[in-house]
């Protein structure tokens, strides 16, 4: 599920996607009214993608319309798929890009100096994260890849260390830790600085102890 301005000039909307193993996965959009309510629109097809797990939103092609990206599988091929928006609450078909062995999460961030929203995908089958660089027209090309912990299941992007560059944090369920990249884990030549850090998690509920240790240089 992701929030975005999928209708230009309107308040925030909410987009959700199905997650089942058939090829009938759909998306549903809740059009916000700016007052905490809104209208649920009719479902629309995700082009035969199954097992859709990851979703993130941004304006990928610079036309002023909010787009989104999903991860899933089609005909046995794992992929991520940008879907371009019209700014009117409707979308084109997904553009399929093959990747890895089980992409489960996607996030958006500008990892280079060009300023376009790039896509980062976590692959739980390969225990890797990959950045795909945006060419400014909504097409993406692999730019960097690195190992994560075991079985990554979620990721988030932000400038964690205040250096002005986008970083990434990956949650690993198999190794019970978080891999934090200070804009260097994925060898992005524009701004590769720092080394990733692993934060080991212990405890349950609201009592979670964090202990940090440096891991894996670029």
Protein backbone atom coordinates (compact mmCIF):
# COMPACT_ATOMS: atom_id res chain seq x y z
CA UNK A 1 0.00 0.00 0.00
CA UNK A 2 1.25 3.49 -0.84
CA UNK A 3 -0.07 7.05 -0.63
CA UNK A 4 0.32 9.58 -3.44
CA UNK A 5 -1.32 12.41 -5.38
CA UNK A 6 -2.61 10.21 -8.20
CA UNK A 7 -5.10 12.88 -9.28
CA UNK A 8 -3.35 16.16 -10.04
CA UNK A 9 -4.39 19.00 -7.79
CA UNK A 10 -6.24 16.69 -5.43
CA UNK A 11 -5.52 15.51 -1.87
CA UNK A 12 -3.60 12.34 -1.06
CA UNK A 13 -4.95 9.05 -2.37
CA UNK A 14 -4.17 5.46 -1.29
CA UNK A 15 -3.20 2.67 -3.70
CA UNK A 16 -3.20 -0.99 -2.66
CA UNK A 17 -2.36 -4.17 -4.57
CA UNK A 18 -3.42 -7.82 -4.35
CA UNK A 19 -0.91 -10.44 -3.28
CA UNK A 20 -1.79 -13.93 -4.47
CA UNK A 21 -0.06 -16.58 -6.53
CA UNK A 22 -2.42 -16.38 -9.50
CA UNK A 23 -2.08 -14.02 -12.42
CA UNK A 24 -5.22 -12.10 -11.49
CA UNK A 25 -3.63 -9.57 -9.14
CA UNK A 26 -5.37 -6.19 -9.24
CA UNK A 27 -4.88 -2.75 -7.75
CA UNK A 28 -7.44 -0.69 -5.87
CA UNK A 29 -7.34 3.07 -5.38
CA UNK A 30 -9.01 5.06 -2.65
CA UNK A 31 -9.52 8.63 -3.87
CA UNK A 32 -9.03 10.92 -0.89
CA UNK A 33 -11.27 13.89 -0.14
CA UNK A 34 -8.77 15.73 2.07
CA UNK A 35 -10.87 15.13 5.19
CA UNK A 36 -9.85 11.58 6.04
CA UNK A 37 -12.44 9.99 3.77
CA UNK A 38 -12.93 9.39 0.09
CA UNK A 39 -14.19 6.99 -2.56
CA UNK A 40 -13.01 3.50 -3.47
CA UNK A 41 -12.55 3.20 -7.23
CA UNK A 42 -13.06 0.06 -9.31
CA UNK A 43 -10.15 -2.41 -9.34
CA UNK A 44 -7.79 -2.40 -12.30
CA UNK A 45 -5.50 -5.12 -13.66
CA UNK A 46 -1.77 -5.33 -13.03
CA UNK A 47 -1.14 -7.01 -16.37
CA UNK A 48 -0.96 -10.62 -15.21
CA UNK A 49 1.61 -10.09 -12.45
CA UNK A 50 1.25 -12.54 -9.55
CA UNK A 51 2.60 -12.54 -5.98
CA UNK A 52 2.82 -8.74 -5.93
CA UNK A 53 4.60 -7.71 -2.72
CA UNK A 54 6.45 -4.41 -3.10
CA UNK A 55 5.01 -1.04 -4.10
CA UNK A 56 6.37 2.52 -4.14
CA UNK A 57 5.32 5.76 -5.83
CA UNK A 58 7.05 8.71 -7.55
CA UNK A 59 6.92 10.72 -10.78
CA UNK A 60 9.32 8.56 -12.82
CA UNK A 61 9.07 10.27 -16.20
CA UNK A 62 8.90 13.91 -15.07
CA UNK A 63 5.49 14.67 -16.58
CA UNK A 64 4.02 15.88 -13.29
CA UNK A 65 1.89 12.76 -12.80
CA UNK A 66 2.39 10.32 -9.94
CA UNK A 67 3.48 6.84 -11.03
CA UNK A 68 4.12 3.65 -9.08
CA UNK A 69 6.30 0.54 -9.20
CA UNK A 70 5.52 -3.01 -8.07
CA UNK A 71 7.44 -6.27 -7.68
CA UNK A 72 6.05 -9.67 -8.59
CA UNK A 73 6.30 -12.65 -10.94
CA UNK A 74 4.83 -13.36 -14.36
CA UNK A 75 5.13 -16.64 -16.28
CA UNK A 76 7.72 -17.77 -13.74
CA UNK A 77 9.93 -14.70 -14.25
CA UNK A 78 10.51 -12.41 -11.26
CA UNK A 79 10.40 -8.73 -12.11
CA UNK A 80 9.77 -5.17 -11.04
CA UNK A 81 7.37 -3.10 -13.08
CA UNK A 82 6.95 0.70 -13.23
CA UNK A 83 3.40 1.81 -14.04
CA UNK A 84 2.97 5.35 -15.38
CA UNK A 85 0.06 7.50 -14.23
CA UNK A 86 -2.08 9.94 -16.20
CA UNK A 87 -2.71 12.36 -13.34
CA UNK A 88 -6.42 11.51 -13.56
CA UNK A 89 -6.45 8.42 -11.36
CA UNK A 90 -5.80 6.02 -14.24
CA UNK A 91 -2.64 4.26 -15.35
CA UNK A 92 -0.96 2.62 -18.29
CA UNK A 93 0.21 -0.98 -18.33
CA UNK A 94 3.22 -2.20 -16.32
CA UNK A 95 6.65 -2.20 -17.97
CA UNK A 96 8.27 -5.49 -16.98
CA UNK A 97 11.94 -5.69 -15.94
CA UNK A 98 13.35 -9.10 -14.99
CA UNK A 99 15.27 -9.28 -11.71
CA UNK A 100 16.70 -11.88 -9.34
CA UNK A 101 14.91 -14.79 -7.75
CA UNK A 102 12.33 -13.24 -5.40
CA UNK A 103 12.01 -9.43 -5.30
CA UNK A 104 9.86 -8.65 -2.28
CA UNK A 105 10.20 -4.91 -1.68
CA UNK A 106 10.78 -1.71 -3.64
CA UNK A 107 11.53 1.86 -2.65
CA UNK A 108 12.30 5.09 -4.47
CA UNK A 109 15.14 7.57 -4.02
CA UNK A 110 17.46 9.80 -6.02
CA UNK A 111 20.77 7.95 -5.65
CA UNK A 112 22.73 9.82 -8.33
CA UNK A 113 23.37 13.48 -9.03
CA UNK A 114 20.80 13.78 -11.83
CA UNK A 115 17.92 14.16 -9.39
CA UNK A 116 15.56 11.65 -11.01
CA UNK A 117 13.75 9.10 -8.79
CA UNK A 118 15.57 5.78 -9.03
CA UNK A 119 14.24 2.41 -7.86
CA UNK A 120 15.87 0.10 -5.32
CA UNK A 121 14.63 -3.51 -5.06
CA UNK A 122 15.31 -6.04 -2.29
CA UNK A 123 15.59 -9.66 -3.45
CA UNK A 124 15.00 -12.19 -0.66
CA UNK A 125 15.96 -15.14 -2.87
CA UNK A 126 19.41 -13.73 -3.68
CA UNK A 127 19.95 -11.77 -0.42
CA UNK A 128 20.75 -8.68 -2.45
CA UNK A 129 19.56 -5.14 -3.09
CA UNK A 130 19.82 -3.53 -6.51
CA UNK A 131 19.50 0.09 -7.60
CA UNK A 132 18.01 0.77 -11.03
CA UNK A 133 18.90 4.18 -12.43
CA UNK A 134 16.18 6.29 -14.01
CA UNK A 135 16.96 7.69 -17.46
CA UNK A 136 14.43 10.54 -16.80
CA UNK A 137 11.80 8.98 -19.08
CA UNK A 138 10.64 6.19 -16.78
CA UNK A 139 13.05 3.54 -18.02
CA UNK A 140 15.47 1.93 -15.59
CA UNK A 141 18.90 0.32 -15.86
CA UNK A 142 20.88 -1.59 -13.18
CA UNK A 143 23.41 0.74 -11.58
CA UNK A 144 24.63 -1.08 -8.48
CA UNK A 145 24.11 -4.21 -6.42
CA UNK A 146 25.24 -5.48 -3.03
CA UNK A 147 24.61 -8.23 -0.54
CA UNK A 148 22.18 -7.65 2.30
CA UNK A 149 21.56 -9.80 5.35
CA UNK A 150 19.67 -13.06 5.04
CA UNK A 151 16.16 -12.88 3.56
CA UNK A 152 15.55 -9.14 3.14
CA UNK A 153 11.84 -8.35 3.40
CA UNK A 154 11.52 -4.55 3.52
CA UNK A 155 13.49 -1.41 2.78
CA UNK A 156 13.27 2.34 3.16
CA UNK A 157 15.24 5.27 1.73
CA UNK A 158 16.24 8.55 3.38
CA UNK A 159 19.31 10.68 4.11
CA UNK A 160 20.22 8.95 7.38
CA UNK A 161 23.57 10.66 8.00
CA UNK A 162 22.75 14.19 6.83
CA UNK A 163 25.31 14.33 4.02
CA UNK A 164 22.75 15.28 1.36
CA UNK A 165 22.76 11.88 -0.36
CA UNK A 166 20.04 9.23 -0.35
CA UNK A 167 20.79 6.15 1.77
CA UNK A 168 18.94 2.83 2.14
CA UNK A 169 18.06 0.59 5.06
CA UNK A 170 17.11 -3.05 4.50
CA UNK A 171 15.29 -5.23 7.05
CA UNK A 172 16.52 -8.84 6.99
CA UNK A 173 14.20 -11.41 8.57
CA UNK A 174 16.57 -14.38 8.25
CA UNK A 175 19.53 -12.75 9.99
CA UNK A 176 17.39 -10.54 12.27
CA UNK A 177 19.22 -7.34 11.44
CA UNK A 178 19.03 -4.13 9.45
CA UNK A 179 21.64 -3.33 6.81
CA UNK A 180 22.13 0.43 6.56
CA UNK A 181 23.84 1.89 3.50
CA UNK A 182 25.46 5.29 3.78
CA UNK A 183 25.18 5.86 0.01
CA UNK A 184 27.96 3.36 -0.58
CA UNK A 185 26.66 -0.19 -0.21
CA UNK A 186 25.53 -0.27 -3.81
CA UNK A 187 28.59 1.31 -5.39
CA UNK A 188 26.86 4.30 -6.93
CA UNK A 189 29.73 6.20 -8.54
CA UNK A 190 28.06 9.61 -8.26
CA UNK A 191 28.07 9.67 -4.46
CA UNK A 192 29.68 6.50 -3.13
CA UNK A 193 30.79 7.38 0.39
CA UNK A 194 30.80 5.40 3.60
CA UNK A 195 30.26 1.73 4.30
CA UNK A 196 27.09 -0.18 5.15
CA UNK A 197 26.36 -0.83 8.79
CA UNK A 198 24.50 -3.75 10.31
CA UNK A 199 22.24 -3.10 13.30
CA UNK A 200 21.57 -6.31 15.23
CA UNK A 201 18.08 -6.58 16.70
CA UNK A 202 17.28 -8.22 20.02
CA UNK A 203 14.24 -8.15 22.27
CA UNK A 204 10.54 -8.09 21.50
CA UNK A 205 7.65 -5.69 21.59
CA UNK A 206 8.55 -2.10 22.32
CA UNK A 207 11.78 -3.08 24.07
CA UNK A 208 14.22 -3.48 21.20
CA UNK A 209 17.94 -3.16 21.82
CA UNK A 210 20.14 -1.91 18.99
CA UNK A 211 23.84 -2.65 18.68
CA UNK A 212 25.80 -1.44 15.68
CA UNK A 213 28.84 -2.88 13.96
CA UNK A 214 30.57 -2.07 10.70
CA UNK A 215 30.04 -4.64 7.98
CA UNK A 216 31.31 -5.17 4.43
CA UNK A 217 33.20 -2.36 2.77
CA UNK A 218 32.22 -1.25 -0.72
